[in-house]
Every structure is written in C-alpha cells, then in structure tokens.
Amino acid sequence: MENPFFSVRFRGYDRAQVDRAVARIRTATDAGAPPHPDSLTNLGFQLTMRGYDTGEVDEYFAEVARSLRGS
C-alpha cells in the first residue's frame, strides 16, 4: 500500500485524523489483519480549515476498500 498524497484545501478533512486512519490501516494490513472493507466508508472525519481535499480522501479509502475486496 502506497503512502497517499492529499491536496490541502481551505476547508477539508482534519489532516491528523486522516493520517492516523491511514497509519492504522497500514499497520493492520502489514500485520496480516486488514480492516473489513465496509469499515472504510463514512469514517466521520471532521471538517477543518486547511484540511485534506475531501474528494481525494474519500476516493483513497474507496480504492483501499476495493483492493481489500479483491475487485
């Protein structure tokens, strides 16, 4: 799993929350216990000033979920 790069926007998802979620997924996957794909939808990130682009983040987690499903 590659490290994602997300654009920073005037309003977007809280960067620390997103970074922690990405790290948790990576750690779990590396340990052989990846998260269930359905757990990667509606993660409930807070919106904040100078946050990550919401569309990019949503697409990243959707792609990870698709990858975990094998499709």
PDB file of N, CA and C in Angstrom:
ATOM      1  N   MET A   1       0.853  -1.167   0.000  1.00  0.00           N
ATOM      2  CA  MET A   1       0.000   0.000   0.000  1.00  0.00           C
ATOM      3  C   MET A   1       0.903   1.237   0.000  1.00  0.00           C
ATOM      4  N   GLU A   2       0.683   2.097  -0.955  1.00  0.00           N
ATOM      5  CA  GLU A   2       1.485   3.311  -1.069  1.00  0.00           C
ATOM      6  C   GLU A   2       1.017   4.376  -0.086  1.00  0.00           C
ATOM      7  N   ASN A   3       1.948   5.262   0.285  1.00  0.00           N
ATOM      8  CA  ASN A   3       1.568   6.413   1.098  1.00  0.00           C
ATOM      9  C   ASN A   3       0.777   7.365   0.215  1.00  0.00           C
ATOM     10  N   PRO A   4      -0.402   7.745   0.651  1.00  0.00           N
ATOM     11  CA  PRO A   4      -1.205   8.656  -0.168  1.00  0.00           C
ATOM     12  C   PRO A   4      -0.704  10.095  -0.057  1.00  0.00           C
ATOM     13  N   PHE A   5      -0.953  10.857  -1.095  1.00  0.00           N
ATOM     14  CA  PHE A   5      -0.710  12.295  -1.064  1.00  0.00           C
ATOM     15  C   PHE A   5      -2.051  12.965  -1.281  1.00  0.00           C
ATOM     16  N   PHE A   6      -2.417  13.823  -0.351  1.00  0.00           N
ATOM     17  CA  PHE A   6      -3.678  14.542  -0.460  1.00  0.00           C
ATOM     18  C   PHE A   6      -3.393  16.033  -0.546  1.00  0.00           C
ATOM     19  N   SER A   7      -4.110  16.714  -1.422  1.00  0.00           N
ATOM     20  CA  SER A   7      -4.009  18.166  -1.517  1.00  0.00           C
ATOM     21  C   SER A   7      -4.635  18.798  -0.283  1.00  0.00           C
ATOM     22  N   VAL A   8      -4.091  19.937   0.119  1.00  0.00           N
ATOM     23  CA  VAL A   8      -4.649  20.694   1.242  1.00  0.00           C
ATOM     24  C   VAL A   8      -5.519  21.797   0.661  1.00  0.00           C
ATOM     25  N   ARG A   9      -6.707  21.913   1.191  1.00  0.00           N
ATOM     26  CA  ARG A   9      -7.680  22.904   0.734  1.00  0.00           C
ATOM     27  C   ARG A   9      -8.034  23.858   1.872  1.00  0.00           C
ATOM     28  N   PHE A  10      -8.724  24.940   1.510  1.00  0.00           N
ATOM     29  CA  PHE A  10      -9.159  25.911   2.513  1.00  0.00           C
ATOM     30  C   PHE A  10      -9.994  25.223   3.584  1.00  0.00           C
ATOM     31  N   ARG A  11     -10.943  24.371   3.155  1.00  0.00           N
ATOM     32  CA  ARG A  11     -11.728  23.539   4.088  1.00  0.00           C
ATOM     33  C   ARG A  11     -11.613  22.106   3.616  1.00  0.00           C
ATOM     34  N   GLY A  12     -11.338  21.241   4.556  1.00  0.00           N
ATOM     35  CA  GLY A  12     -11.212  19.828   4.204  1.00  0.00           C
ATOM     36  C   GLY A  12     -11.185  18.982   5.457  1.00  0.00           C
ATOM     37  N   TYR A  13     -10.901  17.700   5.260  1.00  0.00           N
ATOM     38  CA  TYR A  13     -10.855  16.775   6.392  1.00  0.00           C
ATOM     39  C   TYR A  13      -9.641  17.063   7.273  1.00  0.00           C
ATOM     40  N   ASP A  14      -9.847  16.903   8.568  1.00  0.00           N
ATOM     41  CA  ASP A  14      -8.781  17.094   9.548  1.00  0.00           C
ATOM     42  C   ASP A  14      -7.582  16.211   9.176  1.00  0.00           C
ATOM     43  N   ARG A  15      -6.438  16.841   8.968  1.00  0.00           N
ATOM     44  CA  ARG A  15      -5.267  16.115   8.484  1.00  0.00           C
ATOM     45  C   ARG A  15      -4.769  15.075   9.481  1.00  0.00           C
ATOM     46  N   ALA A  16      -4.764  15.401  10.758  1.00  0.00           N
ATOM     47  CA  ALA A  16      -4.283  14.449  11.765  1.00  0.00           C
ATOM     48  C   ALA A  16      -5.187  13.216  11.827  1.00  0.00           C
ATOM     49  N   GLN A  17      -6.495  13.419  11.732  1.00  0.00           N
ATOM     50  CA  GLN A  17      -7.424  12.285  11.761  1.00  0.00           C
ATOM     51  C   GLN A  17      -7.204  11.368  10.555  1.00  0.00           C
ATOM     52  N   VAL A  18      -7.055  11.963   9.393  1.00  0.00           N
ATOM     53  CA  VAL A  18      -6.841  11.170   8.181  1.00  0.00           C
ATOM     54  C   VAL A  18      -5.507  10.430   8.269  1.00  0.00           C
ATOM     55  N   ASP A  19      -4.461  11.120   8.691  1.00  0.00           N
ATOM     56  CA  ASP A  19      -3.144  10.486   8.800  1.00  0.00           C
ATOM     57  C   ASP A  19      -3.176   9.307   9.768  1.00  0.00           C
ATOM     58  N   ARG A  20      -3.886   9.455  10.891  1.00  0.00           N
ATOM     59  CA  ARG A  20      -3.998   8.349  11.853  1.00  0.00           C
ATOM     60  C   ARG A  20      -4.750   7.170  11.243  1.00  0.00           C
ATOM     61  N   ALA A  21      -5.810   7.445  10.511  1.00  0.00           N
ATOM     62  CA  ALA A  21      -6.585   6.366   9.884  1.00  0.00           C
ATOM     63  C   ALA A  21      -5.731   5.614   8.864  1.00  0.00           C
ATOM     64  N   VAL A  22      -4.972   6.346   8.060  1.00  0.00           N
ATOM     65  CA  VAL A  22      -4.094   5.712   7.074  1.00  0.00           C
ATOM     66  C   VAL A  22      -3.054   4.849   7.790  1.00  0.00           C
ATOM     67  N   ALA A  23      -2.469   5.365   8.862  1.00  0.00           N
ATOM     68  CA  ALA A  23      -1.456   4.612   9.612  1.00  0.00           C
ATOM     69  C   ALA A  23      -2.049   3.346  10.226  1.00  0.00           C
ATOM     70  N   ARG A  24      -3.268   3.446  10.776  1.00  0.00           N
ATOM     71  CA  ARG A  24      -3.914   2.261  11.370  1.00  0.00           C
ATOM     72  C   ARG A  24      -4.167   1.186  10.317  1.00  0.00           C
ATOM     73  N   ILE A  25      -4.626   1.598   9.155  1.00  0.00           N
ATOM     74  CA  ILE A  25      -4.884   0.636   8.083  1.00  0.00           C
ATOM     75  C   ILE A  25      -3.581  -0.031   7.655  1.00  0.00           C
ATOM     76  N   ARG A  26      -2.544   0.761   7.498  1.00  0.00           N
ATOM     77  CA  ARG A  26      -1.249   0.224   7.081  1.00  0.00           C
ATOM     78  C   ARG A  26      -0.712  -0.765   8.119  1.00  0.00           C
ATOM     79  N   THR A  27      -0.780  -0.397   9.389  1.00  0.00           N
ATOM     80  CA  THR A  27      -0.288  -1.265  10.459  1.00  0.00           C
ATOM     81  C   THR A  27      -1.062  -2.576  10.497  1.00  0.00           C
ATOM     82  N   ALA A  28      -2.377  -2.489  10.420  1.00  0.00           N
ATOM     83  CA  ALA A  28      -3.209  -3.694  10.456  1.00  0.00           C
ATOM     84  C   ALA A  28      -2.944  -4.578   9.241  1.00  0.00           C
ATOM     85  N   THR A  29      -2.822  -3.977   8.078  1.00  0.00           N
ATOM     86  CA  THR A  29      -2.579  -4.738   6.858  1.00  0.00           C
ATOM     87  C   THR A  29      -1.205  -5.400   6.901  1.00  0.00           C
ATOM     88  N   ASP A  30      -0.199  -4.654   7.345  1.00  0.00           N
ATOM     89  CA  ASP A  30       1.151  -5.211   7.452  1.00  0.00           C
ATOM     90  C   ASP A  30       1.214  -6.356   8.456  1.00  0.00           C
ATOM     91  N   ALA A  31       0.351  -6.318   9.469  1.00  0.00           N
ATOM     92  CA  ALA A  31       0.316  -7.375  10.485  1.00  0.00           C
ATOM     93  C   ALA A  31      -0.515  -8.575  10.030  1.00  0.00           C
ATOM     94  N   GLY A  32      -1.091  -8.497   8.838  1.00  0.00           N
ATOM     95  CA  GLY A  32      -1.882  -9.602   8.318  1.00  0.00           C
ATOM     96  C   GLY A  32      -3.329  -9.604   8.769  1.00  0.00           C
ATOM     97  N   ALA A  33      -3.775  -8.494   9.332  1.00  0.00           N
ATOM     98  CA  ALA A  33      -5.159  -8.385   9.801  1.00  0.00           C
ATOM     99  C   ALA A  33      -5.794  -7.114   9.249  1.00  0.00           C
ATOM    100  N   PRO A  34      -5.960  -7.050   7.919  1.00  0.00           N
ATOM    101  CA  PRO A  34      -6.508  -5.820   7.334  1.00  0.00           C
ATOM    102  C   PRO A  34      -7.932  -5.568   7.803  1.00  0.00           C
ATOM    103  N   PRO A  35      -8.341  -4.315   7.791  1.00  0.00           N
ATOM    104  CA  PRO A  35      -9.710  -3.993   8.210  1.00  0.00           C
ATOM    105  C   PRO A  35     -10.729  -4.526   7.207  1.00  0.00           C
ATOM    106  N   HIS A  36     -11.937  -4.704   7.670  1.00  0.00           N
ATOM    107  CA  HIS A  36     -13.020  -5.102   6.763  1.00  0.00           C
ATOM    108  C   HIS A  36     -13.294  -3.924   5.832  1.00  0.00           C
ATOM    109  N   PRO A  37     -13.458  -4.180   4.544  1.00  0.00           N
ATOM    110  CA  PRO A  37     -13.682  -3.083   3.593  1.00  0.00           C
ATOM    111  C   PRO A  37     -14.841  -2.160   3.968  1.00  0.00           C
ATOM    112  N   ASP A  38     -15.910  -2.721   4.540  1.00  0.00           N
ATOM    113  CA  ASP A  38     -17.061  -1.889   4.898  1.00  0.00           C
ATOM    114  C   ASP A  38     -16.737  -0.884   6.002  1.00  0.00           C
ATOM    115  N   SER A  39     -15.666  -1.145   6.759  1.00  0.00           N
ATOM    116  CA  SER A  39     -15.302  -0.220   7.835  1.00  0.00           C
ATOM    117  C   SER A  39     -14.608   1.032   7.303  1.00  0.00           C
ATOM    118  N   LEU A  40     -14.342   1.063   6.008  1.00  0.00           N
ATOM    119  CA  LEU A  40     -13.625   2.191   5.418  1.00  0.00           C
ATOM    120  C   LEU A  40     -14.546   3.209   4.767  1.00  0.00           C
ATOM    121  N   THR A  41     -15.839   3.066   4.986  1.00  0.00           N
ATOM    122  CA  THR A  41     -16.788   4.046   4.464  1.00  0.00           C
ATOM    123  C   THR A  41     -17.326   4.870   5.625  1.00  0.00           C
ATOM    124  N   ASN A  42     -17.606   6.112   5.354  1.00  0.00           N
ATOM    125  CA  ASN A  42     -18.166   7.015   6.368  1.00  0.00           C
ATOM    126  C   ASN A  42     -17.340   7.026   7.649  1.00  0.00           C
ATOM    127  N   LEU A  43     -16.071   7.373   7.512  1.00  0.00           N
ATOM    128  CA  LEU A  43     -15.169   7.376   8.659  1.00  0.00           C
ATOM    129  C   LEU A  43     -15.392   8.564   9.586  1.00  0.00           C
ATOM    130  N   GLY A  44     -16.159   9.531   9.153  1.00  0.00           N
ATOM    131  CA  GLY A  44     -16.560  10.625  10.030  1.00  0.00           C
ATOM    132  C   GLY A  44     -15.471  11.629  10.352  1.00  0.00           C
ATOM    133  N   PHE A  45     -14.602  11.903   9.395  1.00  0.00           N
ATOM    134  CA  PHE A  45     -13.562  12.900   9.629  1.00  0.00           C
ATOM    135  C   PHE A  45     -14.194  14.277   9.815  1.00  0.00           C
ATOM    136  N   GLN A  46     -13.641  15.040  10.726  1.00  0.00           N
ATOM    137  CA  GLN A  46     -14.125  16.404  10.942  1.00  0.00           C
ATOM    138  C   GLN A  46     -13.617  17.311   9.831  1.00  0.00           C
ATOM    139  N   LEU A  47     -14.440  18.292   9.480  1.00  0.00           N
ATOM    140  CA  LEU A  47     -14.009  19.322   8.541  1.00  0.00           C
ATOM    141  C   LEU A  47     -13.287  20.404   9.319  1.00  0.00           C
ATOM    142  N   THR A  48     -12.230  20.918   8.712  1.00  0.00           N
ATOM    143  CA  THR A  48     -11.426  21.934   9.368  1.00  0.00           C
ATOM    144  C   THR A  48     -10.827  22.863   8.320  1.00  0.00           C
ATOM    145  N   MET A  49     -10.303  23.968   8.777  1.00  0.00           N
ATOM    146  CA  MET A  49      -9.584  24.877   7.886  1.00  0.00           C
ATOM    147  C   MET A  49      -8.258  24.216   7.517  1.00  0.00           C
ATOM    148  N   ARG A  50      -7.846  24.394   6.274  1.00  0.00           N
ATOM    149  CA  ARG A  50      -6.579  23.843   5.789  1.00  0.00           C
ATOM    150  C   ARG A  50      -6.512  22.331   5.979  1.00  0.00           C
ATOM    151  N   GLY A  51      -7.575  21.668   5.540  1.00  0.00           N
ATOM    152  CA  GLY A  51      -7.640  20.212   5.647  1.00  0.00           C
ATOM    153  C   GLY A  51      -7.416  19.545   4.307  1.00  0.00           C
ATOM    154  N   TYR A  52      -7.374  18.225   4.349  1.00  0.00           N
ATOM    155  CA  TYR A  52      -7.182  17.449   3.128  1.00  0.00           C
ATOM    156  C   TYR A  52      -8.427  17.509   2.246  1.00  0.00           C
ATOM    157  N   ASP A  53      -8.195  17.510   0.956  1.00  0.00           N
ATOM    158  CA  ASP A  53      -9.265  17.511  -0.039  1.00  0.00           C
ATOM    159  C   ASP A  53     -10.194  16.323   0.216  1.00  0.00           C
ATOM    160  N   THR A  54     -11.467  16.606   0.447  1.00  0.00           N
ATOM    161  CA  THR A  54     -12.412  15.552   0.827  1.00  0.00           C
ATOM    162  C   THR A  54     -12.605  14.520  -0.285  1.00  0.00           C
ATOM    163  N   GLY A  55     -12.652  14.965  -1.515  1.00  0.00           N
ATOM    164  CA  GLY A  55     -12.830  14.036  -2.629  1.00  0.00           C
ATOM    165  C   GLY A  55     -11.657  13.079  -2.776  1.00  0.00           C
ATOM    166  N   GLU A  56     -10.445  13.609  -2.633  1.00  0.00           N
ATOM    167  CA  GLU A  56      -9.256  12.761  -2.732  1.00  0.00           C
ATOM    168  C   GLU A  56      -9.218  11.734  -1.607  1.00  0.00           C
ATOM    169  N   VAL A  57      -9.536  12.173  -0.400  1.00  0.00           N
ATOM    170  CA  VAL A  57      -9.527  11.263   0.749  1.00  0.00           C
ATOM    171  C   VAL A  57     -10.600  10.191   0.578  1.00  0.00           C
ATOM    172  N   ASP A  58     -11.804  10.597   0.222  1.00  0.00           N
ATOM    173  CA  ASP A  58     -12.888   9.629   0.029  1.00  0.00           C
ATOM    174  C   ASP A  58     -12.521   8.610  -1.049  1.00  0.00           C
ATOM    175  N   GLU A  59     -11.937   9.071  -2.139  1.00  0.00           N
ATOM    176  CA  GLU A  59     -11.553   8.165  -3.221  1.00  0.00           C
ATOM    177  C   GLU A  59     -10.441   7.218  -2.765  1.00  0.00           C
ATOM    178  N   TYR A  60      -9.495   7.704  -1.988  1.00  0.00           N
ATOM    179  CA  TYR A  60      -8.422   6.845  -1.480  1.00  0.00           C
ATOM    180  C   TYR A  60      -8.997   5.697  -0.652  1.00  0.00           C
ATOM    181  N   PHE A  61      -9.870   6.021   0.297  1.00  0.00           N
ATOM    182  CA  PHE A  61     -10.427   4.972   1.150  1.00  0.00           C
ATOM    183  C   PHE A  61     -11.342   4.036   0.355  1.00  0.00           C
ATOM    184  N   ALA A  62     -12.036   4.550  -0.649  1.00  0.00           N
ATOM    185  CA  ALA A  62     -12.849   3.690  -1.515  1.00  0.00           C
ATOM    186  C   ALA A  62     -11.950   2.735  -2.299  1.00  0.00           C
ATOM    187  N   GLU A  63     -10.819   3.228  -2.771  1.00  0.00           N
ATOM    188  CA  GLU A  63      -9.878   2.383  -3.513  1.00  0.00           C
ATOM    189  C   GLU A  63      -9.267   1.322  -2.605  1.00  0.00           C
ATOM    190  N   VAL A  64      -8.923   1.683  -1.391  1.00  0.00           N
ATOM    191  CA  VAL A  64      -8.402   0.694  -0.441  1.00  0.00           C
ATOM    192  C   VAL A  64      -9.458  -0.376  -0.182  1.00  0.00           C
ATOM    193  N   ALA A  65     -10.706   0.030   0.002  1.00  0.00           N
ATOM    194  CA  ALA A  65     -11.789  -0.932   0.234  1.00  0.00           C
ATOM    195  C   ALA A  65     -11.945  -1.865  -0.967  1.00  0.00           C
ATOM    196  N   ARG A  66     -11.896  -1.311  -2.186  1.00  0.00           N
ATOM    197  CA  ARG A  66     -11.989  -2.151  -3.389  1.00  0.00           C
ATOM    198  C   ARG A  66     -10.831  -3.145  -3.442  1.00  0.00           C
ATOM    199  N   SER A  67      -9.653  -2.681  -3.100  1.00  0.00           N
ATOM    200  CA  SER A  67      -8.475  -3.547  -3.100  1.00  0.00           C
ATOM    201  C   SER A  67      -8.623  -4.686  -2.092  1.00  0.00           C
ATOM    202  N   LEU A  68      -9.149  -4.373  -0.930  1.00  0.00           N
ATOM    203  CA  LEU A  68      -9.339  -5.401   0.096  1.00  0.00           C
ATOM    204  C   LEU A  68     -10.406  -6.410  -0.311  1.00  0.00           C
ATOM    205  N   ARG A  69     -11.373  -5.964  -1.109  1.00  0.00           N
ATOM    206  CA  ARG A  69     -12.412  -6.875  -1.611  1.00  0.00           C
ATOM    207  C   ARG A  69     -11.896  -7.726  -2.768  1.00  0.00           C
ATOM    208  N   GLY A  70     -10.760  -7.301  -3.322  1.00  0.00           N
ATOM    209  CA  GLY A  70     -10.197  -8.035  -4.449  1.00  0.00           C
ATOM    210  C   GLY A  70     -10.822  -7.699  -5.779  1.00  0.00           C
ATOM    211  N   SER A  71     -11.466  -6.527  -5.848  1.00  0.00           N
ATOM    212  CA  SER A  71     -12.094  -6.139  -7.121  1.00  0.00           C
ATOM    213  C   SER A  71     -11.517  -4.853  -7.639  1.00  0.00           C
TER     214      SER A  71
END
